[in-house]
């Protein structure tokens, strides 16, 4: 009986040692920026949704309304959900210019559209970025799934 116990212990230790070896192969510092880059479309969509659906910047502040009633009425027709609040969308050039760049241990959202600097000056730098709610959606959704796939692929251990 003691021989069987020793074999079981040896197999368990080998399994633990193998798991330790596989986890040692993980390089999260290198892989997380890759995952962010691969999922950058989701980041962009979340940022745009904050603006278009809620008129909110990344700090949760409302962008406000329009000064000219005629333009406000036009925007109410174009985006009735917001009732005339600022959504930074007219023809889509600003939104279609959105990009994500990776900088050290963070990512930065911006737009290549010619109006970007003016809009940032008028409404603040926080028009680019994810609110706490959007960060939670991203981190628990597509980012987590991609990170999980990476970890499972390296370690061959299924996460539940």
N, C-alpha and C. Protein backbone atom coordinates (compact mmCIF):
# COMPACT_ATOMS: atom_id res chain seq x y z
N UNK A 1 0.82 -1.19 0.00
CA UNK A 1 0.00 0.00 0.00
C UNK A 1 0.87 1.25 0.00
N UNK A 2 1.99 1.19 0.74
CA UNK A 2 2.83 2.38 0.79
C UNK A 2 3.44 2.68 -0.57
N UNK A 3 3.67 1.68 -1.42
CA UNK A 3 4.21 1.90 -2.75
C UNK A 3 3.25 2.67 -3.63
N UNK A 4 1.95 2.32 -3.54
CA UNK A 4 0.93 3.03 -4.30
C UNK A 4 0.83 4.48 -3.85
N UNK A 5 0.90 4.68 -2.54
CA UNK A 5 0.86 6.03 -2.00
C UNK A 5 2.04 6.86 -2.50
N UNK A 6 3.23 6.25 -2.51
CA UNK A 6 4.43 6.96 -3.00
C UNK A 6 4.30 7.30 -4.48
N UNK A 7 3.73 6.39 -5.27
CA UNK A 7 3.54 6.67 -6.70
C UNK A 7 2.56 7.81 -6.89
N UNK A 8 1.46 7.81 -6.13
CA UNK A 8 0.47 8.90 -6.22
C UNK A 8 1.10 10.23 -5.84
N UNK A 9 1.88 10.24 -4.78
CA UNK A 9 2.56 11.46 -4.36
C UNK A 9 3.53 11.94 -5.43
N UNK A 10 4.26 11.00 -6.02
CA UNK A 10 5.22 11.34 -7.06
C UNK A 10 4.50 11.93 -8.28
N UNK A 11 3.37 11.32 -8.68
CA UNK A 11 2.58 11.84 -9.81
C UNK A 11 2.03 13.23 -9.50
N UNK A 12 1.56 13.42 -8.28
CA UNK A 12 1.05 14.71 -7.87
C UNK A 12 2.14 15.76 -7.92
N UNK A 13 3.32 15.42 -7.40
CA UNK A 13 4.44 16.36 -7.44
C UNK A 13 4.86 16.67 -8.87
N UNK A 14 4.85 15.64 -9.72
CA UNK A 14 5.19 15.87 -11.12
C UNK A 14 4.17 16.79 -11.77
N UNK A 15 2.90 16.62 -11.44
CA UNK A 15 1.85 17.48 -11.97
C UNK A 15 2.02 18.91 -11.48
N UNK A 16 2.31 19.04 -10.22
CA UNK A 16 2.55 20.38 -9.67
C UNK A 16 3.79 20.99 -10.29
N UNK A 17 4.85 20.20 -10.43
CA UNK A 17 6.07 20.71 -11.04
C UNK A 17 5.84 21.10 -12.50
N UNK A 18 5.07 20.30 -13.21
CA UNK A 18 4.77 20.62 -14.61
C UNK A 18 3.91 21.88 -14.70
N UNK A 19 2.92 22.00 -13.83
CA UNK A 19 2.09 23.20 -13.81
C UNK A 19 2.95 24.44 -13.50
N UNK A 20 3.85 24.28 -12.54
CA UNK A 20 4.75 25.38 -12.19
C UNK A 20 5.62 25.77 -13.38
N UNK A 21 6.13 24.76 -14.09
CA UNK A 21 6.95 25.03 -15.27
C UNK A 21 6.15 25.77 -16.33
N UNK A 22 4.93 25.33 -16.56
CA UNK A 22 4.09 25.95 -17.58
C UNK A 22 3.72 27.38 -17.20
N UNK A 23 3.39 27.60 -15.94
CA UNK A 23 3.08 28.96 -15.51
C UNK A 23 4.30 29.86 -15.61
N UNK A 24 5.47 29.27 -15.45
CA UNK A 24 6.70 30.03 -15.62
C UNK A 24 6.92 30.48 -17.06
N UNK A 25 6.26 29.83 -18.00
CA UNK A 25 6.37 30.20 -19.41
C UNK A 25 5.50 31.42 -19.76
N UNK A 26 4.58 31.77 -18.88
CA UNK A 26 3.71 32.92 -19.13
C UNK A 26 4.53 34.21 -19.11
N UNK A 27 4.24 35.09 -20.03
CA UNK A 27 4.88 36.40 -20.06
C UNK A 27 3.79 37.45 -20.20
N UNK A 28 3.12 37.72 -19.09
CA UNK A 28 2.00 38.65 -19.11
C UNK A 28 2.44 40.07 -19.45
N UNK A 29 3.60 40.47 -18.99
CA UNK A 29 4.09 41.83 -19.27
C UNK A 29 4.21 42.05 -20.78
N UNK A 30 4.58 41.00 -21.49
CA UNK A 30 4.71 41.10 -22.94
C UNK A 30 3.37 40.87 -23.65
N UNK A 31 2.56 39.98 -23.12
CA UNK A 31 1.35 39.58 -23.81
C UNK A 31 0.18 40.53 -23.61
N UNK A 32 0.05 41.17 -22.46
CA UNK A 32 -1.09 42.07 -22.22
C UNK A 32 -1.16 43.19 -23.25
N UNK A 33 -0.07 43.87 -23.58
CA UNK A 33 -0.17 44.88 -24.65
C UNK A 33 -0.59 44.29 -25.99
N UNK A 34 -0.18 43.08 -26.28
CA UNK A 34 -0.59 42.41 -27.52
C UNK A 34 -2.10 42.17 -27.49
N UNK A 35 -2.61 41.72 -26.36
CA UNK A 35 -4.05 41.48 -26.22
C UNK A 35 -4.81 42.78 -26.36
N UNK A 36 -4.32 43.84 -25.75
CA UNK A 36 -4.99 45.15 -25.87
C UNK A 36 -5.02 45.59 -27.33
N UNK A 37 -3.90 45.41 -28.02
CA UNK A 37 -3.86 45.78 -29.44
C UNK A 37 -4.85 44.94 -30.25
N UNK A 38 -4.92 43.65 -29.96
CA UNK A 38 -5.84 42.77 -30.69
C UNK A 38 -7.31 43.07 -30.41
N UNK A 39 -7.58 43.64 -29.24
CA UNK A 39 -8.97 43.95 -28.85
C UNK A 39 -9.25 45.45 -28.89
N UNK A 40 -8.41 46.20 -29.58
CA UNK A 40 -8.55 47.66 -29.60
C UNK A 40 -9.86 48.12 -30.26
N UNK A 41 -10.39 47.33 -31.19
CA UNK A 41 -11.68 47.70 -31.80
C UNK A 41 -12.78 47.76 -30.75
N UNK A 42 -12.75 46.84 -29.79
CA UNK A 42 -13.73 46.84 -28.70
C UNK A 42 -13.56 48.09 -27.82
N UNK A 43 -12.34 48.46 -27.54
CA UNK A 43 -12.08 49.67 -26.75
C UNK A 43 -12.66 50.89 -27.46
N UNK A 44 -12.42 50.98 -28.76
CA UNK A 44 -12.93 52.10 -29.54
C UNK A 44 -14.45 52.13 -29.53
N UNK A 45 -15.08 50.98 -29.74
CA UNK A 45 -16.54 50.92 -29.73
C UNK A 45 -17.12 51.34 -28.38
N UNK A 46 -16.48 50.94 -27.30
CA UNK A 46 -16.95 51.34 -25.97
C UNK A 46 -16.82 52.84 -25.77
N UNK A 47 -15.72 53.43 -26.20
CA UNK A 47 -15.52 54.88 -26.08
C UNK A 47 -16.58 55.62 -26.90
N UNK A 48 -16.80 55.17 -28.12
CA UNK A 48 -17.78 55.82 -28.98
C UNK A 48 -19.20 55.67 -28.42
N UNK A 49 -19.51 54.52 -27.85
CA UNK A 49 -20.83 54.30 -27.26
C UNK A 49 -21.07 55.24 -26.09
N UNK A 50 -20.06 55.49 -25.27
CA UNK A 50 -20.19 56.44 -24.16
C UNK A 50 -20.62 57.80 -24.69
N UNK A 51 -19.97 58.22 -25.76
CA UNK A 51 -20.25 59.53 -26.34
C UNK A 51 -21.61 59.55 -27.01
N UNK A 52 -21.88 58.58 -27.87
CA UNK A 52 -23.06 58.61 -28.72
C UNK A 52 -24.35 58.24 -27.98
N UNK A 53 -24.27 57.27 -27.09
CA UNK A 53 -25.47 56.80 -26.41
C UNK A 53 -25.76 57.51 -25.09
N UNK A 54 -24.68 58.09 -24.48
CA UNK A 54 -24.86 58.66 -23.14
C UNK A 54 -24.35 60.08 -23.00
N UNK A 55 -23.63 60.60 -23.98
CA UNK A 55 -23.04 61.94 -23.91
C UNK A 55 -22.12 62.06 -22.69
N UNK A 56 -21.35 60.99 -22.44
CA UNK A 56 -20.47 60.98 -21.27
C UNK A 56 -19.01 60.85 -21.69
N UNK A 57 -18.13 61.54 -20.94
CA UNK A 57 -16.70 61.36 -21.16
C UNK A 57 -16.20 60.23 -20.27
N UNK A 58 -14.90 60.01 -20.28
CA UNK A 58 -14.34 58.88 -19.53
C UNK A 58 -14.43 59.06 -18.02
N UNK A 59 -14.65 60.28 -17.57
CA UNK A 59 -14.78 60.54 -16.13
C UNK A 59 -16.24 60.45 -15.67
N UNK A 60 -17.14 60.18 -16.62
CA UNK A 60 -18.55 60.10 -16.29
C UNK A 60 -19.26 61.43 -16.34
N UNK A 61 -18.57 62.46 -16.83
CA UNK A 61 -19.18 63.79 -16.93
C UNK A 61 -19.98 63.92 -18.21
N UNK A 62 -21.14 64.57 -18.09
CA UNK A 62 -21.98 64.82 -19.25
C UNK A 62 -21.36 65.92 -20.10
N UNK A 63 -21.38 65.72 -21.42
CA UNK A 63 -20.79 66.71 -22.32
C UNK A 63 -21.65 67.95 -22.49
N UNK A 64 -22.88 67.91 -22.04
CA UNK A 64 -23.75 69.07 -22.07
C UNK A 64 -24.57 69.16 -23.34
N UNK A 65 -25.17 70.35 -23.51
CA UNK A 65 -26.04 70.58 -24.66
C UNK A 65 -25.38 71.53 -25.65
N UNK A 66 -26.16 71.88 -26.67
CA UNK A 66 -25.68 72.80 -27.71
C UNK A 66 -26.16 74.21 -27.42
N UNK A 67 -25.38 75.18 -27.84
CA UNK A 67 -25.71 76.59 -27.60
C UNK A 67 -26.77 77.10 -28.55
N UNK A 68 -26.82 76.60 -29.76
CA UNK A 68 -27.75 77.09 -30.76
C UNK A 68 -28.94 76.15 -30.88
N UNK A 69 -30.12 76.69 -30.68
CA UNK A 69 -31.34 75.89 -30.67
C UNK A 69 -31.57 75.18 -32.01
N UNK A 70 -31.27 75.84 -33.11
CA UNK A 70 -31.46 75.24 -34.42
C UNK A 70 -30.60 73.98 -34.58
N UNK A 71 -29.33 74.08 -34.15
CA UNK A 71 -28.44 72.92 -34.23
C UNK A 71 -28.87 71.84 -33.25
N UNK A 72 -29.32 72.25 -32.08
CA UNK A 72 -29.80 71.29 -31.08
C UNK A 72 -30.98 70.50 -31.64
N UNK A 73 -31.90 71.18 -32.33
CA UNK A 73 -33.05 70.51 -32.92
C UNK A 73 -32.62 69.52 -34.00
N UNK A 74 -31.62 69.89 -34.81
CA UNK A 74 -31.09 68.99 -35.82
C UNK A 74 -30.52 67.74 -35.14
N UNK A 75 -29.74 67.94 -34.07
CA UNK A 75 -29.13 66.81 -33.35
C UNK A 75 -30.19 65.93 -32.69
N UNK A 76 -31.29 66.53 -32.25
CA UNK A 76 -32.39 65.73 -31.68
C UNK A 76 -32.97 64.79 -32.73
N UNK A 77 -33.03 65.25 -33.97
CA UNK A 77 -33.52 64.40 -35.05
C UNK A 77 -32.51 63.31 -35.40
N UNK A 78 -31.23 63.67 -35.40
CA UNK A 78 -30.18 62.71 -35.78
C UNK A 78 -29.93 61.66 -34.70
N UNK A 79 -30.05 62.06 -33.44
CA UNK A 79 -29.81 61.14 -32.33
C UNK A 79 -30.87 61.39 -31.26
N UNK A 80 -32.10 60.94 -31.49
CA UNK A 80 -33.19 61.23 -30.56
C UNK A 80 -32.99 60.67 -29.15
N UNK A 81 -32.16 59.65 -29.02
CA UNK A 81 -31.91 59.04 -27.70
C UNK A 81 -31.35 60.06 -26.73
N UNK A 82 -30.49 60.94 -27.21
CA UNK A 82 -29.84 61.91 -26.32
C UNK A 82 -30.66 63.18 -26.12
N UNK A 83 -31.68 63.40 -26.91
CA UNK A 83 -32.53 64.58 -26.73
C UNK A 83 -31.79 65.89 -26.92
N UNK A 84 -30.81 65.93 -27.81
CA UNK A 84 -30.11 67.18 -28.09
C UNK A 84 -28.82 67.37 -27.32
N UNK A 85 -28.39 66.38 -26.57
CA UNK A 85 -27.11 66.48 -25.87
C UNK A 85 -25.96 66.22 -26.85
N UNK A 86 -24.78 66.69 -26.51
CA UNK A 86 -23.59 66.55 -27.35
C UNK A 86 -23.20 65.07 -27.46
N UNK A 87 -22.98 64.61 -28.71
CA UNK A 87 -22.51 63.24 -28.93
C UNK A 87 -21.24 63.20 -29.79
N UNK A 88 -20.77 64.35 -30.23
CA UNK A 88 -19.56 64.49 -31.05
C UNK A 88 -19.64 63.68 -32.35
N UNK A 89 -20.86 63.53 -32.87
CA UNK A 89 -21.05 62.78 -34.11
C UNK A 89 -21.94 63.59 -35.04
N UNK A 90 -21.47 63.83 -36.26
CA UNK A 90 -22.30 64.45 -37.28
C UNK A 90 -22.23 63.61 -38.55
N UNK A 91 -21.06 63.59 -39.17
CA UNK A 91 -20.87 62.78 -40.38
C UNK A 91 -20.09 61.50 -40.09
N UNK A 92 -19.44 61.41 -38.95
CA UNK A 92 -18.71 60.20 -38.58
C UNK A 92 -17.21 60.29 -38.76
N UNK A 93 -16.70 61.42 -39.26
CA UNK A 93 -15.26 61.53 -39.47
C UNK A 93 -14.47 61.42 -38.17
N UNK A 94 -14.95 62.08 -37.14
CA UNK A 94 -14.27 62.04 -35.84
C UNK A 94 -14.23 60.60 -35.30
N UNK A 95 -15.36 59.91 -35.33
CA UNK A 95 -15.44 58.53 -34.85
C UNK A 95 -14.59 57.59 -35.70
N UNK A 96 -14.65 57.75 -37.01
CA UNK A 96 -13.90 56.82 -37.88
C UNK A 96 -12.39 57.00 -37.75
N UNK A 97 -11.96 58.12 -37.18
CA UNK A 97 -10.53 58.34 -36.96
C UNK A 97 -10.01 57.80 -35.65
N UNK A 98 -10.87 57.18 -34.84
CA UNK A 98 -10.44 56.68 -33.53
C UNK A 98 -9.35 55.62 -33.68
N UNK A 99 -8.41 55.65 -32.75
CA UNK A 99 -7.34 54.65 -32.70
C UNK A 99 -6.95 54.42 -31.24
N UNK A 100 -6.27 53.32 -31.02
CA UNK A 100 -5.71 52.99 -29.69
C UNK A 100 -4.22 52.79 -29.87
N UNK A 101 -3.45 53.47 -29.03
CA UNK A 101 -2.00 53.22 -29.03
C UNK A 101 -1.58 52.74 -27.65
N UNK A 102 -0.61 51.83 -27.64
CA UNK A 102 -0.11 51.24 -26.41
C UNK A 102 1.11 52.05 -25.99
N UNK A 103 1.10 52.51 -24.74
CA UNK A 103 2.22 53.27 -24.20
C UNK A 103 2.61 52.69 -22.85
N UNK A 104 3.74 52.01 -22.82
CA UNK A 104 4.26 51.36 -21.61
C UNK A 104 3.21 50.46 -20.97
N UNK A 105 2.61 50.88 -19.86
CA UNK A 105 1.67 50.02 -19.15
C UNK A 105 0.23 50.51 -19.26
N UNK A 106 -0.07 51.30 -20.30
CA UNK A 106 -1.42 51.79 -20.48
C UNK A 106 -1.73 51.92 -21.97
N UNK A 107 -2.96 52.22 -22.28
CA UNK A 107 -3.30 52.51 -23.66
C UNK A 107 -3.93 53.90 -23.73
N UNK A 108 -3.79 54.53 -24.89
CA UNK A 108 -4.30 55.87 -25.11
C UNK A 108 -5.23 55.82 -26.31
N UNK A 109 -6.36 56.49 -26.18
CA UNK A 109 -7.32 56.58 -27.28
C UNK A 109 -7.24 57.98 -27.85
N UNK A 110 -7.32 58.08 -29.16
CA UNK A 110 -7.32 59.37 -29.83
C UNK A 110 -8.06 59.25 -31.15
N UNK A 111 -8.03 60.33 -31.92
CA UNK A 111 -8.64 60.32 -33.25
C UNK A 111 -7.75 61.09 -34.20
N UNK A 112 -7.64 60.60 -35.41
CA UNK A 112 -6.83 61.25 -36.44
C UNK A 112 -7.61 62.34 -37.17
N UNK A 113 -8.88 62.51 -36.83
CA UNK A 113 -9.70 63.51 -37.51
C UNK A 113 -9.18 64.92 -37.25
N UNK A 114 -9.30 65.77 -38.25
CA UNK A 114 -8.78 67.14 -38.15
C UNK A 114 -9.45 67.95 -37.05
N UNK A 115 -10.65 67.58 -36.61
CA UNK A 115 -11.37 68.31 -35.56
C UNK A 115 -10.98 67.86 -34.15
N UNK A 116 -10.17 66.82 -34.04
CA UNK A 116 -9.87 66.23 -32.73
C UNK A 116 -9.35 67.24 -31.72
N UNK A 117 -8.35 68.04 -32.11
CA UNK A 117 -7.77 69.01 -31.17
C UNK A 117 -8.81 70.02 -30.72
N UNK A 118 -9.62 70.50 -31.65
CA UNK A 118 -10.66 71.47 -31.29
C UNK A 118 -11.69 70.86 -30.35
N UNK A 119 -12.12 69.63 -30.63
CA UNK A 119 -13.10 68.97 -29.77
C UNK A 119 -12.51 68.68 -28.39
N UNK A 120 -11.25 68.30 -28.36
CA UNK A 120 -10.59 68.04 -27.08
C UNK A 120 -10.45 69.34 -26.28
N UNK A 121 -10.15 70.43 -26.95
CA UNK A 121 -10.06 71.73 -26.26
C UNK A 121 -11.41 72.16 -25.71
N UNK A 122 -12.46 71.93 -26.48
CA UNK A 122 -13.79 72.37 -26.08
C UNK A 122 -14.41 71.49 -25.00
N UNK A 123 -14.25 70.15 -25.13
CA UNK A 123 -14.93 69.23 -24.23
C UNK A 123 -14.01 68.52 -23.25
N UNK A 124 -12.70 68.70 -23.39
CA UNK A 124 -11.75 68.12 -22.45
C UNK A 124 -11.10 66.84 -22.98
N UNK A 125 -9.94 66.55 -22.43
CA UNK A 125 -9.18 65.36 -22.83
C UNK A 125 -9.93 64.07 -22.53
N UNK A 126 -10.87 64.13 -21.58
CA UNK A 126 -11.59 62.93 -21.17
C UNK A 126 -12.61 62.46 -22.19
N UNK A 127 -12.75 63.14 -23.34
CA UNK A 127 -13.61 62.58 -24.39
C UNK A 127 -13.00 61.28 -24.91
N UNK A 128 -11.69 61.15 -24.72
CA UNK A 128 -11.00 59.91 -25.08
C UNK A 128 -10.74 59.11 -23.81
N UNK A 129 -11.16 57.87 -23.81
CA UNK A 129 -10.94 57.01 -22.64
C UNK A 129 -12.22 56.31 -22.25
N UNK A 130 -12.06 55.30 -21.41
CA UNK A 130 -13.20 54.50 -20.98
C UNK A 130 -13.64 54.90 -19.58
N UNK A 131 -14.95 55.01 -19.41
CA UNK A 131 -15.51 55.25 -18.09
C UNK A 131 -15.31 53.99 -17.25
N UNK A 132 -15.58 54.10 -15.97
CA UNK A 132 -15.46 52.93 -15.10
C UNK A 132 -16.35 51.79 -15.58
N UNK A 133 -17.56 52.12 -16.00
CA UNK A 133 -18.49 51.10 -16.49
C UNK A 133 -17.94 50.43 -17.76
N UNK A 134 -17.41 51.24 -18.67
CA UNK A 134 -16.86 50.68 -19.91
C UNK A 134 -15.61 49.85 -19.64
N UNK A 135 -14.79 50.29 -18.68
CA UNK A 135 -13.61 49.50 -18.30
C UNK A 135 -14.02 48.13 -17.76
N UNK A 136 -15.08 48.11 -16.96
CA UNK A 136 -15.56 46.84 -16.40
C UNK A 136 -16.07 45.93 -17.51
N UNK A 137 -16.81 46.50 -18.46
CA UNK A 137 -17.33 45.71 -19.58
C UNK A 137 -16.16 45.13 -20.38
N UNK A 138 -15.16 45.95 -20.66
CA UNK A 138 -14.01 45.51 -21.45
C UNK A 138 -13.19 44.46 -20.69
N UNK A 139 -12.87 44.75 -19.43
CA UNK A 139 -11.97 43.85 -18.70
C UNK A 139 -12.62 42.51 -18.38
N UNK A 140 -13.93 42.50 -18.17
CA UNK A 140 -14.63 41.24 -17.86
C UNK A 140 -15.10 40.52 -19.12
N UNK A 141 -15.03 41.21 -20.25
CA UNK A 141 -15.51 40.63 -21.50
C UNK A 141 -14.39 40.17 -22.40
N UNK A 142 -14.19 40.90 -23.48
CA UNK A 142 -13.25 40.49 -24.53
C UNK A 142 -11.81 40.40 -24.03
N UNK A 143 -11.38 41.34 -23.19
CA UNK A 143 -10.01 41.29 -22.67
C UNK A 143 -9.79 40.03 -21.84
N UNK A 144 -10.72 39.75 -20.93
CA UNK A 144 -10.59 38.57 -20.07
C UNK A 144 -10.56 37.30 -20.91
N UNK A 145 -11.44 37.23 -21.91
CA UNK A 145 -11.50 36.04 -22.76
C UNK A 145 -10.17 35.83 -23.49
N UNK A 146 -9.60 36.91 -24.03
CA UNK A 146 -8.33 36.80 -24.75
C UNK A 146 -7.19 36.42 -23.79
N UNK A 147 -7.18 37.00 -22.60
CA UNK A 147 -6.16 36.68 -21.60
C UNK A 147 -6.30 35.22 -21.16
N UNK A 148 -7.52 34.81 -20.95
CA UNK A 148 -7.79 33.43 -20.56
C UNK A 148 -7.32 32.45 -21.64
N UNK A 149 -7.61 32.76 -22.89
CA UNK A 149 -7.16 31.91 -23.99
C UNK A 149 -5.64 31.80 -24.01
N UNK A 150 -4.97 32.91 -23.77
CA UNK A 150 -3.50 32.89 -23.73
C UNK A 150 -3.00 32.00 -22.59
N UNK A 151 -3.53 32.19 -21.40
CA UNK A 151 -3.09 31.41 -20.24
C UNK A 151 -3.38 29.93 -20.44
N UNK A 152 -4.57 29.60 -20.92
CA UNK A 152 -4.92 28.20 -21.15
C UNK A 152 -4.05 27.59 -22.24
N UNK A 153 -3.74 28.38 -23.27
CA UNK A 153 -2.90 27.87 -24.35
C UNK A 153 -1.50 27.54 -23.90
N UNK A 154 -0.96 28.32 -23.00
CA UNK A 154 0.41 28.09 -22.51
C UNK A 154 0.43 26.99 -21.44
N UNK A 155 -0.50 27.09 -20.48
CA UNK A 155 -0.45 26.17 -19.33
C UNK A 155 -1.17 24.86 -19.58
N UNK A 156 -2.04 24.83 -20.58
CA UNK A 156 -2.87 23.65 -20.87
C UNK A 156 -3.78 23.31 -19.68
N UNK A 157 -4.06 24.33 -18.86
CA UNK A 157 -4.96 24.19 -17.73
C UNK A 157 -6.21 25.00 -18.04
N UNK A 158 -7.37 24.36 -17.98
CA UNK A 158 -8.63 25.02 -18.29
C UNK A 158 -9.09 25.86 -17.10
N UNK A 159 -9.39 27.12 -17.37
CA UNK A 159 -9.91 28.00 -16.33
C UNK A 159 -11.43 27.97 -16.41
N UNK A 160 -12.07 27.96 -15.25
CA UNK A 160 -13.54 27.94 -15.24
C UNK A 160 -14.08 29.20 -14.65
